[in-house]
N, C-alpha and C. Protein backbone atom coordinates (compact mmCIF):
# COMPACT_ATOMS: atom_id res chain seq x y z
N MET A 1 27.78 -66.91 77.65
CA MET A 1 27.84 -65.47 77.59
C MET A 1 26.68 -65.00 76.73
N GLY A 2 25.70 -64.41 77.30
CA GLY A 2 24.55 -63.96 76.54
C GLY A 2 24.44 -62.46 76.51
N LEU A 3 24.17 -61.92 75.37
CA LEU A 3 23.95 -60.49 75.22
C LEU A 3 22.53 -60.27 74.75
N SER A 4 21.86 -59.32 75.36
CA SER A 4 20.49 -59.02 74.94
C SER A 4 20.44 -57.92 73.91
N LYS A 5 21.52 -57.14 73.79
CA LYS A 5 21.54 -56.07 72.80
C LYS A 5 22.98 -55.74 72.43
N CYS A 6 23.12 -55.05 71.32
CA CYS A 6 24.43 -54.62 70.84
C CYS A 6 24.78 -53.29 71.49
N ALA A 7 26.09 -53.02 71.64
CA ALA A 7 26.53 -51.76 72.23
C ALA A 7 26.27 -50.56 71.32
N TRP A 8 26.08 -50.78 70.03
CA TRP A 8 25.78 -49.68 69.12
C TRP A 8 24.31 -49.32 69.24
N PRO A 9 23.99 -48.05 69.38
CA PRO A 9 22.58 -47.64 69.48
C PRO A 9 21.80 -48.03 68.22
N GLY A 10 20.66 -48.66 68.40
CA GLY A 10 19.79 -49.03 67.29
C GLY A 10 20.19 -50.29 66.55
N ALA A 11 21.28 -50.93 66.93
CA ALA A 11 21.74 -52.14 66.24
C ALA A 11 21.04 -53.37 66.82
N ARG A 12 20.99 -54.45 66.04
CA ARG A 12 20.36 -55.69 66.50
C ARG A 12 21.31 -56.49 67.38
N LYS A 13 20.77 -57.48 68.04
CA LYS A 13 21.57 -58.38 68.87
C LYS A 13 22.57 -59.12 67.98
N PRO A 14 23.83 -59.23 68.38
CA PRO A 14 24.82 -59.91 67.54
C PRO A 14 24.57 -61.41 67.45
N ASP A 15 24.94 -61.99 66.29
CA ASP A 15 24.81 -63.44 66.09
C ASP A 15 25.89 -64.20 66.85
N LEU A 16 27.05 -63.58 67.00
CA LEU A 16 28.18 -64.23 67.63
C LEU A 16 28.87 -63.24 68.55
N VAL A 17 29.24 -63.69 69.71
CA VAL A 17 29.97 -62.86 70.66
C VAL A 17 31.29 -63.56 70.96
N VAL A 18 32.38 -62.82 70.90
CA VAL A 18 33.69 -63.37 71.19
C VAL A 18 34.23 -62.70 72.44
N GLN A 19 34.62 -63.49 73.41
CA GLN A 19 35.19 -62.95 74.63
C GLN A 19 36.70 -63.16 74.57
N VAL A 20 37.46 -62.10 74.81
CA VAL A 20 38.91 -62.15 74.73
C VAL A 20 39.49 -61.90 76.11
N ALA A 21 40.37 -62.77 76.56
CA ALA A 21 41.05 -62.57 77.83
C ALA A 21 42.37 -61.85 77.57
N VAL A 22 42.59 -60.75 78.26
CA VAL A 22 43.81 -59.96 78.07
C VAL A 22 44.51 -59.80 79.41
N THR A 23 45.81 -59.55 79.33
CA THR A 23 46.58 -59.38 80.56
C THR A 23 46.76 -57.92 80.93
N THR A 24 46.76 -57.04 79.94
CA THR A 24 46.87 -55.61 80.21
C THR A 24 45.92 -54.85 79.30
N GLN A 25 45.54 -53.67 79.70
CA GLN A 25 44.61 -52.87 78.90
C GLN A 25 45.23 -52.50 77.55
N GLN A 26 46.54 -52.38 77.48
CA GLN A 26 47.20 -52.01 76.23
C GLN A 26 46.99 -53.08 75.16
N ASP A 27 46.70 -54.32 75.55
CA ASP A 27 46.47 -55.39 74.57
C ASP A 27 45.30 -55.07 73.65
N THR A 28 44.29 -54.39 74.17
CA THR A 28 43.07 -54.15 73.40
C THR A 28 42.68 -52.68 73.31
N SER A 29 43.54 -51.78 73.74
CA SER A 29 43.17 -50.36 73.80
C SER A 29 42.83 -49.77 72.44
N ALA A 30 43.38 -50.32 71.35
CA ALA A 30 43.12 -49.76 70.02
C ALA A 30 41.96 -50.46 69.30
N ILE A 31 41.39 -51.49 69.90
CA ILE A 31 40.29 -52.22 69.26
C ILE A 31 38.97 -51.51 69.56
N GLN A 32 38.20 -51.25 68.51
CA GLN A 32 36.92 -50.57 68.66
C GLN A 32 35.78 -51.57 68.51
N VAL A 33 34.63 -51.23 69.10
CA VAL A 33 33.44 -52.06 68.95
C VAL A 33 33.12 -52.18 67.46
N GLY A 34 32.87 -53.39 67.00
CA GLY A 34 32.55 -53.62 65.59
C GLY A 34 33.77 -53.85 64.71
N ALA A 35 34.97 -53.82 65.30
CA ALA A 35 36.18 -54.04 64.51
C ALA A 35 36.21 -55.47 63.97
N ALA A 36 36.88 -55.65 62.85
CA ALA A 36 37.01 -56.98 62.25
C ALA A 36 37.84 -57.88 63.15
N LEU A 37 37.54 -59.15 63.13
CA LEU A 37 38.26 -60.14 63.92
C LEU A 37 38.76 -61.22 62.97
N ARG A 38 40.05 -61.47 63.00
CA ARG A 38 40.63 -62.52 62.15
C ARG A 38 41.12 -63.64 63.04
N THR A 39 40.83 -64.84 62.63
CA THR A 39 41.28 -66.01 63.37
C THR A 39 41.94 -66.98 62.41
N PHE A 40 42.61 -67.96 62.95
CA PHE A 40 43.21 -69.00 62.12
C PHE A 40 43.29 -70.28 62.93
N ARG A 41 43.49 -71.36 62.23
CA ARG A 41 43.76 -72.62 62.88
C ARG A 41 44.76 -73.38 62.02
N ARG A 42 45.62 -74.14 62.67
CA ARG A 42 46.63 -74.92 61.98
C ARG A 42 45.99 -76.13 61.32
N VAL A 43 46.26 -76.29 60.02
CA VAL A 43 45.74 -77.42 59.27
C VAL A 43 46.89 -77.99 58.44
N GLN A 44 47.02 -79.31 58.44
CA GLN A 44 48.04 -79.97 57.64
C GLN A 44 47.35 -80.87 56.63
N TYR A 45 47.69 -80.70 55.35
CA TYR A 45 47.14 -81.54 54.28
C TYR A 45 48.22 -82.52 53.85
N ALA A 46 47.83 -83.74 53.54
CA ALA A 46 48.80 -84.74 53.11
C ALA A 46 48.11 -85.84 52.32
N GLU A 47 48.91 -86.48 51.49
CA GLU A 47 48.46 -87.70 50.82
C GLU A 47 48.90 -88.85 51.73
N TYR A 48 47.95 -89.66 52.13
CA TYR A 48 48.27 -90.74 53.06
C TYR A 48 47.68 -92.05 52.55
N GLN A 49 48.21 -93.16 53.07
CA GLN A 49 47.78 -94.47 52.62
C GLN A 49 46.92 -95.13 53.70
N ALA A 50 45.78 -95.68 53.26
CA ALA A 50 44.89 -96.42 54.15
C ALA A 50 44.20 -97.50 53.32
N GLY A 51 44.19 -98.70 53.83
CA GLY A 51 43.54 -99.79 53.12
C GLY A 51 44.17 -100.10 51.78
N GLY A 52 45.48 -99.84 51.65
CA GLY A 52 46.18 -100.11 50.40
C GLY A 52 45.94 -99.07 49.31
N ARG A 53 45.23 -97.99 49.62
CA ARG A 53 44.97 -96.92 48.65
C ARG A 53 45.47 -95.59 49.22
N TRP A 54 45.64 -94.63 48.31
CA TRP A 54 46.13 -93.30 48.69
C TRP A 54 44.98 -92.31 48.71
N TRP A 55 44.99 -91.44 49.71
CA TRP A 55 43.91 -90.48 49.93
C TRP A 55 44.49 -89.11 50.26
N LEU A 56 43.73 -88.06 49.98
CA LEU A 56 44.08 -86.72 50.43
C LEU A 56 43.33 -86.51 51.74
N GLY A 57 44.06 -86.10 52.76
CA GLY A 57 43.44 -85.88 54.05
C GLY A 57 43.97 -84.63 54.71
N ARG A 58 43.35 -84.29 55.83
CA ARG A 58 43.83 -83.14 56.60
C ARG A 58 43.78 -83.46 58.08
N ARG A 59 44.70 -82.83 58.80
CA ARG A 59 44.72 -82.89 60.26
C ARG A 59 44.56 -81.46 60.76
N VAL A 60 43.66 -81.28 61.69
CA VAL A 60 43.39 -79.96 62.24
C VAL A 60 43.99 -79.87 63.63
N GLY A 61 44.73 -78.78 63.88
CA GLY A 61 45.31 -78.56 65.20
C GLY A 61 46.27 -79.66 65.60
N THR A 62 46.03 -80.27 66.75
CA THR A 62 46.92 -81.31 67.27
C THR A 62 46.40 -82.71 67.00
N ALA A 63 45.48 -82.85 66.06
CA ALA A 63 44.93 -84.17 65.73
C ALA A 63 46.04 -85.11 65.31
N THR A 64 45.89 -86.39 65.62
CA THR A 64 46.92 -87.38 65.27
C THR A 64 46.54 -88.20 64.05
N THR A 65 45.31 -88.08 63.58
CA THR A 65 44.87 -88.83 62.40
C THR A 65 44.35 -87.87 61.34
N TYR A 66 44.38 -88.34 60.11
CA TYR A 66 43.90 -87.54 58.99
C TYR A 66 42.41 -87.78 58.75
N GLU A 67 41.72 -86.73 58.39
CA GLU A 67 40.33 -86.80 57.96
C GLU A 67 40.35 -86.93 56.44
N GLN A 68 39.70 -87.94 55.90
CA GLN A 68 39.70 -88.17 54.46
C GLN A 68 38.93 -87.07 53.74
N LEU A 69 39.57 -86.45 52.73
CA LEU A 69 38.92 -85.41 51.94
C LEU A 69 38.50 -85.93 50.57
N THR A 70 39.40 -86.66 49.91
CA THR A 70 39.08 -87.20 48.58
C THR A 70 40.00 -88.37 48.26
N GLY A 71 39.61 -89.14 47.29
CA GLY A 71 40.41 -90.27 46.87
C GLY A 71 39.51 -91.42 46.47
N PRO A 72 40.07 -92.54 46.07
CA PRO A 72 41.49 -92.84 46.06
C PRO A 72 42.25 -92.09 44.97
N LEU A 73 43.54 -91.91 45.20
CA LEU A 73 44.42 -91.19 44.29
C LEU A 73 45.52 -92.13 43.80
N LEU A 74 46.21 -91.71 42.75
CA LEU A 74 47.39 -92.45 42.31
C LEU A 74 48.45 -92.35 43.39
N ALA A 75 49.27 -93.37 43.51
CA ALA A 75 50.36 -93.35 44.48
C ALA A 75 51.32 -92.21 44.15
N PRO A 76 51.98 -91.64 45.17
CA PRO A 76 52.92 -90.54 44.92
C PRO A 76 53.99 -90.89 43.88
N GLY A 77 54.51 -92.12 43.91
CA GLY A 77 55.52 -92.54 42.94
C GLY A 77 55.00 -92.73 41.53
N ALA A 78 53.68 -92.78 41.38
CA ALA A 78 53.07 -92.98 40.07
C ALA A 78 52.51 -91.67 39.50
N GLY A 79 53.01 -90.55 40.01
CA GLY A 79 52.55 -89.25 39.51
C GLY A 79 51.23 -88.83 40.11
N GLY A 80 51.01 -89.21 41.35
CA GLY A 80 49.76 -88.86 42.04
C GLY A 80 49.60 -87.36 42.23
N LEU A 81 48.92 -87.00 43.26
CA LEU A 81 48.58 -85.62 43.55
C LEU A 81 49.82 -84.74 43.68
N THR A 82 49.78 -83.57 43.05
CA THR A 82 50.86 -82.59 43.20
C THR A 82 50.26 -81.22 43.47
N PHE A 83 51.01 -80.39 44.15
CA PHE A 83 50.59 -79.02 44.43
C PHE A 83 51.61 -78.07 43.84
N ALA A 84 51.14 -76.94 43.34
CA ALA A 84 52.02 -75.87 42.87
C ALA A 84 51.76 -74.66 43.76
N TYR A 85 52.81 -74.13 44.36
CA TYR A 85 52.69 -72.99 45.26
C TYR A 85 53.20 -71.74 44.57
N TYR A 86 52.46 -70.68 44.70
CA TYR A 86 52.84 -69.41 44.08
C TYR A 86 52.97 -68.36 45.17
N ASP A 87 54.05 -67.61 45.11
CA ASP A 87 54.30 -66.56 46.09
C ASP A 87 54.49 -65.26 45.34
N THR A 88 53.72 -64.25 45.70
CA THR A 88 53.81 -62.97 44.99
C THR A 88 54.89 -62.07 45.56
N LEU A 89 55.55 -62.50 46.61
CA LEU A 89 56.58 -61.64 47.21
C LEU A 89 57.90 -61.79 46.53
C-alpha cells in the first residue's frame, strides 16, 4: 500500500500507513484523518528453567517458547525474581 501524499493539504508523506478492514461504515464513522491509533499485543512474562538455570523470558502472541530477556536468576524457591503490582483503582 503506497501513498504519495498525505490527505491533509500541505502535509508530508506519512511514514506509516495503516489499513483497517471494517464490516460497516459505522465502525469507523467517528474516526478522523490524523486520529491517534492505539494497538496492543499479548505478551506473557515468566521465570523459566533452561540448562539447569532460571531465566526471565517472554512469549509474544501465540508463541510456544520463551525469548530470554535476562538471567541467570535465583531459583523461585530461593527468593528469586518477584514482581509487585500496583493498581490505582
